[in-house]
Protein backbone atom coordinates (compact mmCIF):
# COMPACT_ATOMS: atom_id res chain seq x y z
CA MET A 1 -32.11 -43.14 -53.15
CA LYS A 2 -30.73 -40.57 -50.71
CA THR A 3 -31.87 -42.66 -47.75
CA TRP A 4 -30.49 -45.90 -49.16
CA ALA A 5 -27.16 -44.33 -50.16
CA GLY A 6 -26.71 -42.97 -46.66
CA PHE A 7 -27.60 -46.29 -45.06
CA VAL A 8 -25.27 -48.29 -47.34
CA ALA A 9 -22.46 -45.88 -46.44
CA MET A 10 -23.14 -46.51 -42.74
CA SER A 11 -23.07 -50.27 -43.38
CA VAL A 12 -19.70 -49.96 -45.14
CA GLY A 13 -18.32 -48.08 -42.13
CA MET A 14 -19.56 -50.83 -39.83
CA PHE A 15 -18.00 -53.46 -42.14
CA MET A 16 -14.62 -51.72 -41.76
CA ALA A 17 -14.81 -51.84 -37.96
CA VAL A 18 -15.77 -55.54 -37.82
CA LEU A 19 -13.27 -56.52 -40.51
CA ASP A 20 -10.43 -54.78 -38.69
CA ILE A 21 -10.47 -57.33 -35.87
CA GLN A 22 -9.98 -60.36 -38.12
CA ILE A 23 -7.53 -58.94 -40.67
CA VAL A 24 -5.20 -57.89 -37.85
CA ALA A 25 -5.55 -61.27 -36.11
CA SER A 26 -4.35 -63.11 -39.20
CA SER A 27 -1.22 -60.94 -39.46
CA LEU A 28 -0.10 -60.68 -35.83
CA PRO A 29 3.17 -62.62 -36.46
CA GLU A 30 4.26 -60.05 -39.07
CA ILE A 31 3.42 -57.15 -36.73
CA GLN A 32 5.28 -58.86 -33.89
CA VAL A 33 8.46 -59.18 -35.96
CA ALA A 34 8.25 -55.66 -37.43
CA LEU A 35 7.76 -53.89 -34.08
CA GLN A 36 9.81 -56.37 -32.02
CA ILE A 37 6.89 -57.00 -29.66
CA PRO A 38 7.55 -59.59 -26.93
CA LEU A 39 5.53 -62.70 -27.67
CA ASP A 40 3.77 -62.62 -24.28
CA ARG A 41 2.46 -59.10 -25.04
CA LEU A 42 1.30 -59.74 -28.59
CA GLY A 43 -2.24 -60.59 -27.55
CA TRP A 44 -2.72 -57.06 -26.25
CA VAL A 45 -2.85 -55.77 -29.82
CA GLN A 46 -6.26 -57.47 -30.02
CA THR A 47 -7.26 -57.18 -26.36
CA ALA A 48 -6.79 -53.38 -26.44
CA TYR A 49 -9.21 -53.06 -29.36
CA LEU A 50 -11.80 -55.46 -27.97
CA SER A 51 -11.72 -53.94 -24.47
CA ALA A 52 -12.34 -50.43 -25.79
CA GLU A 53 -15.01 -51.67 -28.18
CA ILE A 54 -16.98 -53.45 -25.48
CA VAL A 55 -16.92 -50.27 -23.34
CA ALA A 56 -18.28 -48.14 -26.20
CA ILE A 57 -21.17 -50.35 -27.30
CA PRO A 58 -23.55 -49.74 -24.35
CA LEU A 59 -22.94 -45.97 -24.58
CA THR A 60 -24.59 -45.84 -28.01
CA GLY A 61 -27.86 -44.47 -26.62
CA TRP A 62 -26.12 -41.58 -24.86
CA ILE A 63 -23.94 -40.54 -27.81
CA THR A 64 -26.96 -40.69 -30.13
CA ARG A 65 -28.97 -38.41 -27.86
CA ALA A 66 -26.03 -36.01 -27.54
CA LEU A 67 -24.98 -35.80 -31.23
CA SER A 68 -27.88 -37.37 -33.24
CA THR A 69 -27.42 -40.53 -35.28
CA ARG A 70 -25.81 -38.64 -38.17
CA GLY A 71 -23.45 -36.68 -35.94
CA ALA A 72 -22.50 -39.67 -33.81
CA PHE A 73 -21.76 -41.90 -36.80
CA SER A 74 -19.75 -39.21 -38.63
CA VAL A 75 -17.65 -38.43 -35.55
CA CYS A 76 -17.06 -42.10 -34.78
CA VAL A 77 -16.05 -42.96 -38.36
CA LEU A 78 -13.60 -40.07 -38.45
CA GLY A 79 -12.20 -41.10 -35.05
CA PHE A 80 -11.85 -44.69 -36.28
CA THR A 81 -10.14 -43.44 -39.46
CA ALA A 82 -7.68 -41.17 -37.65
CA SER A 83 -6.75 -43.90 -35.15
CA SER A 84 -6.28 -46.36 -38.05
CA ALA A 85 -3.71 -43.98 -39.52
CA ALA A 86 -2.05 -43.79 -36.10
CA CYS A 87 -1.89 -47.61 -35.96
CA ALA A 88 -0.20 -47.70 -39.36
CA GLY A 89 2.40 -45.20 -38.18
CA ALA A 90 3.12 -47.01 -34.92
CA GLY A 91 6.80 -47.27 -34.11
CA GLY A 92 6.51 -49.55 -31.11
CA PHE A 93 4.29 -51.67 -28.91
CA TRP A 94 2.82 -48.98 -26.65
CA TRP A 95 2.07 -46.62 -29.53
CA LEU A 96 0.21 -49.38 -31.33
CA VAL A 97 -1.75 -50.41 -28.22
CA ALA A 98 -2.79 -46.82 -27.47
CA ALA A 99 -3.95 -46.31 -31.06
CA ARG A 100 -5.85 -49.61 -30.96
CA VAL A 101 -7.69 -48.48 -27.81
CA VAL A 102 -8.89 -45.32 -29.57
CA GLN A 103 -9.71 -47.28 -32.72
CA GLY A 104 -11.72 -49.87 -30.78
CA PHE A 105 -13.62 -47.21 -28.82
CA PHE A 106 -14.81 -45.37 -31.93
CA GLY A 107 -15.35 -48.60 -33.87
CA GLY A 108 -17.51 -50.01 -31.08
CA PHE A 109 -20.26 -47.45 -31.73
CA LEU A 110 -20.63 -48.23 -35.43
CA ILE A 111 -22.40 -51.62 -35.24
CA PRO A 112 -25.25 -50.60 -32.87
CA LEU A 113 -25.65 -47.27 -34.69
CA VAL A 114 -26.26 -49.11 -37.97
CA PHE A 115 -28.77 -51.54 -36.46
CA SER A 116 -30.64 -48.70 -34.75
CA ALA A 117 -30.68 -46.83 -38.08
CA VAL A 118 -32.52 -49.81 -39.61
CA PHE A 119 -35.49 -49.10 -37.34
CA LEU A 120 -35.25 -45.31 -37.51
CA MET A 121 -34.75 -44.84 -41.26
CA PHE A 122 -37.19 -47.44 -42.60
CA ALA A 123 -40.82 -48.11 -41.81
CA GLU A 124 -42.10 -51.57 -40.93
CA GLY A 125 -42.23 -53.70 -44.07
CA PRO A 126 -40.05 -54.89 -46.96
CA ALA A 127 -37.72 -51.86 -46.86
CA ARG A 128 -36.79 -52.48 -43.24
CA MET A 129 -36.23 -56.17 -43.94
CA ARG A 130 -33.92 -55.36 -46.85
CA ALA A 131 -32.01 -52.91 -44.66
CA THR A 132 -31.67 -55.55 -41.94
CA MET A 133 -30.37 -57.97 -44.57
CA ILE A 134 -27.71 -55.50 -45.76
CA ALA A 135 -26.58 -54.74 -42.20
CA GLY A 136 -26.61 -58.44 -41.31
CA VAL A 137 -24.55 -59.44 -44.34
CA MET A 138 -21.97 -56.75 -43.56
CA ALA A 139 -21.76 -57.73 -39.88
CA MET A 140 -21.58 -61.50 -40.45
CA LEU A 141 -19.45 -61.48 -43.62
CA ALA A 142 -16.60 -59.40 -42.18
CA PRO A 143 -15.38 -62.04 -39.67
CA THR A 144 -15.46 -64.69 -42.41
CA LEU A 145 -13.57 -62.65 -45.01
CA GLY A 146 -11.10 -61.19 -42.49
CA PRO A 147 -8.45 -63.93 -42.63
CA ALA A 148 -8.41 -63.95 -46.45
CA VAL A 149 -8.28 -60.16 -46.75
CA GLY A 150 -5.65 -59.86 -44.03
CA GLY A 151 -3.51 -62.61 -45.53
CA PHE A 152 -3.71 -61.07 -49.01
CA ILE A 153 -2.85 -57.55 -47.85
CA THR A 154 0.09 -58.67 -45.72
CA ASP A 155 1.37 -61.03 -48.43
CA ARG A 156 1.12 -58.53 -51.31
CA PHE A 157 1.91 -55.25 -49.50
CA SER A 158 2.75 -54.89 -45.78
CA TRP A 159 0.99 -54.97 -42.42
CA HIS A 160 0.69 -51.16 -42.45
CA TRP A 161 -1.97 -51.44 -45.16
CA LEU A 162 -4.20 -53.39 -42.79
CA PHE A 163 -4.87 -49.99 -41.23
CA LEU A 164 -4.20 -47.59 -44.10
CA ILE A 165 -6.97 -49.17 -46.18
CA ASN A 166 -9.45 -47.69 -43.67
CA VAL A 167 -8.36 -44.10 -44.28
CA PRO A 168 -9.80 -43.28 -47.75
CA VAL A 169 -12.89 -45.42 -47.14
CA GLY A 170 -13.52 -43.76 -43.77
CA ILE A 171 -13.25 -40.24 -45.18
CA VAL A 172 -15.73 -41.03 -47.98
CA VAL A 173 -18.16 -42.77 -45.59
CA ALA A 174 -18.08 -39.85 -43.15
CA GLY A 175 -18.77 -37.36 -45.96
CA VAL A 176 -21.67 -39.37 -47.39
CA VAL A 177 -23.29 -39.94 -43.98
CA ALA A 178 -22.95 -36.27 -42.98
CA SER A 179 -24.52 -35.20 -46.29
CA LEU A 180 -27.32 -37.73 -46.78
CA VAL A 181 -28.40 -39.16 -43.42
CA SER A 182 -31.06 -37.25 -41.50
CA ILE A 183 -32.87 -39.35 -38.89
CA ASP A 184 -33.14 -37.43 -35.65
CA ARG A 185 -31.85 -34.33 -33.93
CA ALA A 186 -29.35 -33.96 -31.14
CA GLU A 187 -30.85 -33.14 -27.79
CA GLY A 188 -27.98 -30.79 -27.00
CA ARG A 189 -27.81 -30.09 -23.29
CA GLY A 190 -30.71 -32.45 -22.70
CA GLY A 191 -28.70 -35.29 -24.17
CA GLY A 192 -25.81 -34.51 -21.86
CA ARG A 193 -27.77 -34.54 -18.60
CA VAL A 194 -26.96 -38.09 -17.63
CA ASP A 195 -25.21 -39.85 -14.77
CA PHE A 196 -21.63 -39.59 -16.01
CA ALA A 197 -20.32 -40.97 -12.72
CA THR A 198 -21.38 -44.40 -14.02
CA ALA A 199 -19.02 -44.14 -17.03
CA PRO A 200 -15.71 -45.00 -15.28
CA LEU A 201 -17.39 -47.80 -13.31
CA LEU A 202 -18.84 -49.27 -16.50
CA ALA A 203 -15.49 -48.92 -18.27
CA VAL A 204 -13.63 -50.71 -15.47
CA PHE A 205 -16.22 -53.49 -15.40
CA LEU A 206 -16.41 -54.17 -19.15
CA ALA A 207 -12.73 -53.59 -19.97
CA GLY A 208 -11.65 -55.63 -16.95
CA LEU A 209 -14.00 -58.43 -17.95
CA GLN A 210 -12.51 -58.49 -21.44
CA VAL A 211 -8.98 -58.57 -20.01
CA VAL A 212 -9.87 -61.46 -17.68
CA LEU A 213 -11.47 -63.44 -20.49
CA SER A 214 -8.46 -62.84 -22.76
CA GLU A 215 -5.65 -63.40 -20.27
CA ALA A 216 -7.00 -65.92 -17.73
CA PRO A 217 -6.68 -68.98 -20.03
CA THR A 218 -2.93 -68.23 -20.27
CA GLN A 219 -2.13 -66.91 -16.79
CA GLY A 220 -4.56 -69.19 -14.97
CA TRP A 221 -7.96 -68.37 -13.55
CA SER A 222 -6.68 -68.62 -9.98
CA SER A 223 -3.59 -66.42 -10.46
CA PRO A 224 -3.42 -63.40 -8.08
CA ALA A 225 -3.62 -60.88 -10.93
CA MET A 226 -6.72 -62.50 -12.41
CA LEU A 227 -8.44 -62.87 -9.04
CA ALA A 228 -7.79 -59.19 -8.25
CA THR A 229 -9.11 -58.13 -11.64
CA MET A 230 -12.23 -60.27 -11.21
CA LEU A 231 -12.93 -58.72 -7.79
CA LEU A 232 -12.47 -55.24 -9.27
CA CYS A 233 -14.85 -56.10 -12.12
CA LEU A 234 -17.45 -57.50 -9.73
CA GLY A 235 -17.37 -54.45 -7.48
CA SER A 236 -17.47 -51.83 -10.23
CA GLY A 237 -20.09 -53.78 -12.20
CA THR A 238 -22.40 -54.10 -9.20
CA ILE A 239 -22.23 -50.37 -8.47
CA ALA A 240 -22.66 -49.44 -12.16
CA VAL A 241 -25.74 -51.63 -12.57
CA ARG A 242 -27.28 -50.22 -9.38
CA ARG A 243 -26.74 -46.63 -10.57
CA CYS A 244 -28.27 -47.45 -13.95
CA LEU A 245 -31.36 -48.77 -12.15
CA VAL A 246 -31.88 -45.99 -9.58
CA GLN A 247 -30.63 -42.78 -11.25
CA PRO A 248 -33.33 -40.60 -12.89
CA ALA A 249 -31.11 -40.02 -15.96
CA PRO A 250 -28.97 -43.19 -16.27
CA LEU A 251 -26.09 -43.44 -18.70
CA VAL A 252 -27.44 -46.82 -19.91
CA HIS A 253 -31.16 -47.61 -19.71
CA LEU A 254 -31.41 -51.18 -18.41
CA SER A 255 -35.20 -50.92 -18.41
CA ALA A 256 -35.07 -52.36 -21.94
CA PHE A 257 -34.68 -55.81 -20.36
CA ARG A 258 -38.22 -55.55 -18.99
CA ARG A 259 -39.49 -56.30 -22.49
CA ARG A 260 -39.74 -60.07 -22.88
CA ASN A 261 -38.79 -60.23 -26.57
CA PHE A 262 -35.76 -58.00 -26.01
CA ALA A 263 -34.49 -60.04 -23.05
CA LEU A 264 -34.97 -63.32 -24.93
CA GLY A 265 -33.44 -61.79 -28.06
CA CYS A 266 -30.34 -60.98 -26.00
CA VAL A 267 -30.13 -64.66 -25.02
CA PHE A 268 -30.08 -65.59 -28.69
CA SER A 269 -27.60 -62.78 -29.44
CA PHE A 270 -25.26 -64.15 -26.75
CA ALA A 271 -25.45 -67.65 -28.26
CA LEU A 272 -24.87 -66.24 -31.76
CA GLY A 273 -21.74 -64.45 -30.55
CA ALA A 274 -20.39 -67.66 -29.03
CA GLY A 275 -21.08 -69.57 -32.27
CA LEU A 276 -19.78 -66.88 -34.64
CA TYR A 277 -16.57 -65.96 -32.83
CA GLY A 278 -15.97 -69.53 -31.70
CA ALA A 279 -16.12 -70.81 -35.28
CA THR A 280 -13.86 -68.05 -36.61
CA PHE A 281 -11.30 -68.98 -33.92
CA LEU A 282 -11.42 -72.78 -34.07
CA LEU A 283 -11.40 -73.26 -37.84
CA PRO A 284 -8.28 -71.13 -38.57
CA LEU A 285 -6.53 -72.80 -35.62
CA PHE A 286 -7.20 -76.25 -37.08
CA LEU A 287 -6.25 -75.23 -40.62
CA GLY A 288 -3.09 -73.41 -39.53
CA VAL A 289 -1.66 -75.75 -36.89
CA VAL A 290 -2.91 -79.17 -37.98
CA ARG A 291 -3.17 -78.68 -41.75
CA HIS A 292 -0.26 -76.17 -42.09
CA HIS A 293 -2.11 -73.69 -44.31
CA ASP A 294 -0.92 -70.07 -44.53
CA PRO A 295 -3.30 -67.14 -43.72
CA LEU A 296 -4.32 -66.61 -47.35
CA GLU A 297 -5.13 -70.30 -47.86
CA ILE A 298 -7.11 -70.33 -44.60
CA GLY A 299 -9.08 -67.31 -45.75
CA LEU A 300 -9.86 -68.88 -49.11
CA ILE A 301 -11.13 -72.07 -47.45
CA MET A 302 -13.32 -70.01 -45.12
CA THR A 303 -14.97 -68.17 -48.02
CA VAL A 304 -17.38 -71.12 -48.20
CA THR A 305 -19.11 -69.63 -45.16
CA GLY A 306 -19.20 -66.20 -46.76
CA GLY A 307 -20.62 -67.56 -50.00
CA ALA A 308 -23.36 -69.38 -48.11
CA GLN A 309 -24.19 -66.17 -46.24
CA LEU A 310 -24.62 -64.23 -49.48
CA ILE A 311 -26.86 -66.95 -50.94
CA ALA A 312 -28.96 -67.20 -47.78
CA ALA A 313 -29.42 -63.44 -47.23
CA PRO A 314 -32.14 -62.78 -49.86
CA ILE A 315 -33.83 -66.10 -49.02
CA ALA A 316 -33.96 -65.19 -45.33
CA THR A 317 -35.33 -61.74 -46.17
CA LEU A 318 -38.05 -63.19 -48.37
CA LEU A 319 -39.05 -65.79 -45.79
CA GLU A 320 -39.10 -63.17 -43.03
CA GLN A 321 -41.83 -61.32 -44.93
CA ARG A 322 -43.98 -64.44 -45.18
CA SER A 323 -43.18 -66.50 -42.07
CA ASP A 324 -43.38 -66.23 -38.32
CA PRO A 325 -40.01 -64.84 -37.15
CA ARG A 326 -40.13 -67.19 -34.17
CA LEU A 327 -40.13 -70.17 -36.53
CA LEU A 328 -37.24 -68.69 -38.54
CA THR A 329 -35.31 -68.14 -35.30
CA ALA A 330 -35.74 -71.79 -34.35
CA CYS A 331 -34.65 -72.94 -37.83
CA GLY A 332 -31.64 -70.61 -37.84
CA TYR A 333 -30.28 -71.61 -34.46
CA GLY A 334 -31.01 -75.27 -35.14
CA LEU A 335 -28.96 -75.04 -38.37
CA LEU A 336 -26.17 -73.18 -36.59
CA ALA A 337 -26.01 -75.87 -33.91
CA LEU A 338 -25.90 -78.55 -36.63
CA GLY A 339 -23.00 -76.81 -38.40
CA LEU A 340 -21.04 -76.43 -35.17
CA ILE A 341 -21.67 -79.96 -33.89
CA GLY A 342 -20.83 -81.32 -37.37
CA ASN A 343 -17.29 -79.98 -36.90
CA GLY A 344 -17.00 -81.90 -33.64
CA PHE A 345 -15.98 -85.10 -35.42
CA LEU A 346 -12.97 -83.89 -37.40
CA GLN A 347 -10.04 -86.09 -38.37
CA PRO A 348 -6.50 -84.63 -38.54
CA SER A 349 -6.53 -85.45 -42.27
CA ASP A 350 -9.70 -83.42 -43.03
CA ASP A 351 -9.28 -80.43 -45.32
CA PHE A 352 -11.47 -78.39 -47.67
CA TRP A 353 -14.10 -81.01 -48.52
CA GLY A 354 -14.19 -82.39 -45.01
CA LEU A 355 -15.12 -78.91 -43.76
CA ALA A 356 -17.35 -77.71 -46.60
CA TRP A 357 -20.84 -78.80 -45.57
CA GLN A 358 -20.41 -77.58 -42.00
CA GLN A 359 -19.25 -74.17 -43.25
CA ALA A 360 -22.14 -73.93 -45.70
CA THR A 361 -24.63 -74.86 -42.98
CA ARG A 362 -23.26 -72.23 -40.61
CA GLY A 363 -23.14 -69.60 -43.33
CA MET A 364 -26.81 -70.09 -44.15
CA ALA A 365 -27.72 -70.28 -40.47
CA PHE A 366 -26.09 -66.95 -39.53
CA MET A 367 -28.57 -64.94 -41.61
CA PHE A 368 -31.59 -66.89 -40.30
CA CYS A 369 -30.29 -66.27 -36.78
CA LEU A 370 -29.62 -62.55 -37.09
CA LEU A 371 -32.54 -61.16 -39.11
CA PRO A 372 -35.59 -62.46 -37.19
CA THR A 373 -34.07 -62.06 -33.71
CA THR A 374 -33.08 -58.45 -34.49
CA SER A 375 -36.64 -57.68 -35.58
CA LEU A 376 -38.15 -59.41 -32.54
CA ALA A 377 -35.76 -57.76 -30.08
CA LEU A 378 -35.71 -54.17 -31.38
CA GLY A 379 -38.95 -53.85 -33.30
CA GLY A 380 -41.21 -52.84 -30.42
CA PHE A 381 -39.23 -49.87 -29.06
CA PRO A 382 -40.15 -46.19 -29.46
CA ALA A 383 -37.72 -44.30 -31.70
CA ALA A 384 -36.04 -42.56 -28.77
CA GLU A 385 -35.11 -45.90 -27.14
CA VAL A 386 -33.89 -47.81 -30.20
CA ALA A 387 -30.23 -46.73 -30.03
CA ASN A 388 -29.90 -47.71 -26.36
CA ALA A 389 -31.56 -51.10 -26.99
CA SER A 390 -29.39 -51.70 -30.05
CA GLY A 391 -26.26 -51.07 -28.00
CA LEU A 392 -27.29 -53.58 -25.33
CA PHE A 393 -28.36 -56.15 -27.94
CA ASN A 394 -25.00 -55.96 -29.72
CA LEU A 395 -23.14 -55.92 -26.40
CA MET A 396 -24.63 -59.32 -25.60
CA ARG A 397 -23.30 -60.74 -28.87
CA ASN A 398 -19.80 -59.46 -28.08
CA LEU A 399 -19.98 -60.81 -24.53
CA GLY A 400 -21.06 -64.18 -25.91
CA GLY A 401 -18.05 -64.18 -28.20
CA ALA A 402 -15.61 -63.10 -25.46
CA ILE A 403 -16.85 -65.62 -22.90
CA GLY A 404 -17.04 -68.37 -25.51
CA LEU A 405 -13.44 -67.76 -26.63
CA ALA A 406 -12.19 -67.77 -23.03
CA VAL A 407 -13.91 -71.08 -22.32
CA ILE A 408 -12.62 -72.56 -25.59
CA ASP A 409 -9.05 -71.41 -24.91
CA THR A 410 -9.12 -72.85 -21.39
CA LEU A 411 -10.58 -76.15 -22.61
CA ILE A 412 -7.93 -76.53 -25.32
CA GLN A 413 -5.05 -75.82 -22.95
CA GLN A 414 -6.31 -78.32 -20.38
CA ARG A 415 -7.47 -81.10 -22.70
CA VAL A 416 -4.65 -81.30 -25.27
CA PRO A 417 -2.08 -82.87 -22.86
CA ILE A 418 -4.69 -85.35 -21.63
CA HIS A 419 -5.56 -86.43 -25.18
CA ILE A 420 -1.88 -86.74 -26.16
CA ALA A 421 -1.17 -88.99 -23.16
CA ALA A 422 -4.19 -91.18 -24.00
CA LEU A 423 -3.15 -91.45 -27.67
CA VAL A 424 0.39 -92.48 -26.72
CA GLU A 425 -0.95 -95.14 -24.38
CA ARG A 426 -3.22 -96.60 -27.08
CA LEU A 427 -0.46 -96.51 -29.68
CA GLN A 428 1.90 -98.35 -27.34
CA ALA A 429 -0.81 -101.00 -26.95
CA GLY A 430 -0.91 -101.41 -30.74
CA ASP A 431 -4.40 -100.01 -31.38
CA PRO A 432 -4.85 -99.80 -35.20
CA GLN A 433 -7.80 -97.36 -35.01
CA THR A 434 -5.70 -94.88 -33.05
CA ALA A 435 -2.86 -95.34 -35.54
CA GLN A 436 -5.24 -94.60 -38.40
CA PHE A 437 -6.57 -91.47 -36.64
CA VAL A 438 -3.06 -90.18 -35.97
CA GLY A 439 -1.91 -90.96 -39.52
CA LEU A 440 0.59 -93.76 -38.93
CA PRO A 441 1.02 -96.78 -41.26
CA LEU A 442 -1.44 -99.51 -40.30
CA ASP A 443 0.87 -102.41 -41.17
CA GLN A 444 2.87 -101.62 -38.01
CA PHE A 445 -0.20 -102.01 -35.78
CA ILE A 446 -1.68 -105.49 -35.80
CA GLY A 447 -3.25 -105.53 -32.34
CA LYS A 448 -0.15 -106.39 -30.34
CA PRO A 449 2.11 -104.20 -28.20
CA VAL A 450 4.65 -102.17 -30.13
CA SER A 451 8.32 -102.78 -29.46
CA PRO A 452 10.44 -99.83 -28.29
CA VAL A 453 11.26 -97.38 -31.09
CA ASP A 454 14.41 -95.39 -31.77
CA GLN A 455 14.68 -91.59 -31.35
CA ALA A 456 14.29 -90.86 -35.07
CA THR A 457 10.97 -92.69 -35.19
CA ARG A 458 9.87 -90.97 -31.98
CA ASP A 459 10.67 -87.55 -33.52
CA LEU A 460 8.63 -88.45 -36.58
CA VAL A 461 5.62 -89.68 -34.62
CA ALA A 462 5.53 -86.94 -31.97
CA PRO A 463 4.16 -84.11 -34.20
CA LEU A 464 1.44 -86.40 -35.56
CA VAL A 465 0.34 -87.34 -32.05
CA GLU A 466 0.36 -83.68 -30.95
CA HIS A 467 -1.79 -82.67 -33.93
CA ALA A 468 -4.17 -85.54 -33.24
CA GLY A 469 -4.44 -84.49 -29.58
CA LEU A 470 -5.17 -80.90 -30.61
CA THR A 471 -7.81 -82.13 -33.06
CA LEU A 472 -9.59 -84.06 -30.31
CA ALA A 473 -9.56 -80.99 -28.04
CA LEU A 474 -10.89 -78.83 -30.87
CA ASN A 475 -13.65 -81.36 -31.47
CA GLU A 476 -14.72 -81.01 -27.83
CA ALA A 477 -14.75 -77.22 -28.22
CA TRP A 478 -16.93 -77.48 -31.34
CA LEU A 479 -19.37 -79.72 -29.52
CA LEU A 480 -19.44 -77.37 -26.53
CA ILE A 481 -20.37 -74.22 -28.46
CA GLY A 482 -22.80 -76.24 -30.58
CA GLY A 483 -24.44 -77.36 -27.36
CA VAL A 484 -24.68 -73.74 -26.13
CA VAL A 485 -26.44 -72.71 -29.33
CA LEU A 486 -28.74 -75.71 -29.11
CA LEU A 487 -29.54 -74.85 -25.49
CA SER A 488 -30.59 -71.31 -26.49
CA LEU A 489 -33.56 -72.80 -28.39
CA ILE A 490 -35.24 -73.28 -25.01
CA ALA A 491 -35.99 -69.52 -25.08
CA GLY A 492 -37.84 -69.80 -28.42
CA PRO A 493 -41.30 -70.83 -27.20
CA PHE A 494 -41.40 -67.83 -24.83
CA LEU A 495 -41.03 -65.25 -27.64
CA ARG A 496 -44.13 -63.21 -28.40
CA ARG A 497 -45.33 -62.64 -31.93
CA GLN A 498 -44.42 -59.08 -32.96
């Protein structure tokens, strides 16, 4: 009971860190008005957190060696809690961004620490599978519930409580973990003898990469600022990787990629990140812009995915005990691809029921994707190497999400005007199928060219055409990330049985 209570407390801390990204995203307009943040800077509230988080994740192995799993998790939870309080007390844009950087840095350690604890606290068998299920549910459920939780908190209280809610929970979690978790011991000075010169290079590479992926779709990939940042990332990343390969005590041990199952598991983790974060971006965008739902309504519609995850979790755990994890991996990623591609044929009029089966399919698929690939990727490592491998494994999922979102954002910006122009051309030719898709009355389209319309009619039709053009661009994005997930199945036959 002591072991399980400590592990559940760690999982709750991880849930807070993952949830924080989505609940803030759903309430950015309220924060923008309250702090008078210029609209072109608003995205940095999220970019600051994600950039710091992606820097922290690969350092998990080092901080675990230096402080032990218990010490590292307790310190990181308290740092996340204190920075959450600082976010709530922010009086302006720069204060909030600085606090989000600290919050993201400490929060970034929590996910890989929990997944490494699965393999350090529990022996091979049913207990480890149950622990993986708990960690997986917490990690996958948070992005799904985020919009609903964020919308409810902002609607009923204020945006400050998006951060203040972390404070009491974080204090309790830190106390429970410090009291009950005992996995390993800190190496003290031995844990600190690493190549710290790699740290700033790694930070510039990963943070710069996140900035490029977040800002390039808006500023343009060929803009001078983005090109300079990409060159800086390339240079610092090349040097950092070389130092990690040649130094006797590297900050990040890249030797983990020599294990076939780990390297292939990272491929699947990358695809899962693209599918997970892509879906949690595209669906709220469709529901908010095309269907005009508020954040709370969007969150309630998206609970279908969360419900499916909860139903699938014990089933996936049971099947993992009795089936080949390679087969479960293939089934999971096949289901995920089906759920993503199924959304690639949306109509502007689709709502809850038109989105239900795709959400349910993805929700079930997430658990079948995460559990077996985590076991295959991390199960063969010695205890001393688990934390480092867990950090790299989770880094790949975040990179998949960041790169996927950048590609999606760029695709939408480029394709929406093209689709709108094509729709207008077909409507002017009197195409009834296009009129039906856009949502115009069919009796005005009988297969002959439409006569010129007055300005009032044009003002009425224009929003419908814009929403239809956005829907077509979103459909292409759904099909793209579904294709990426489907492509990852090529790695399946090369996995080795554990």
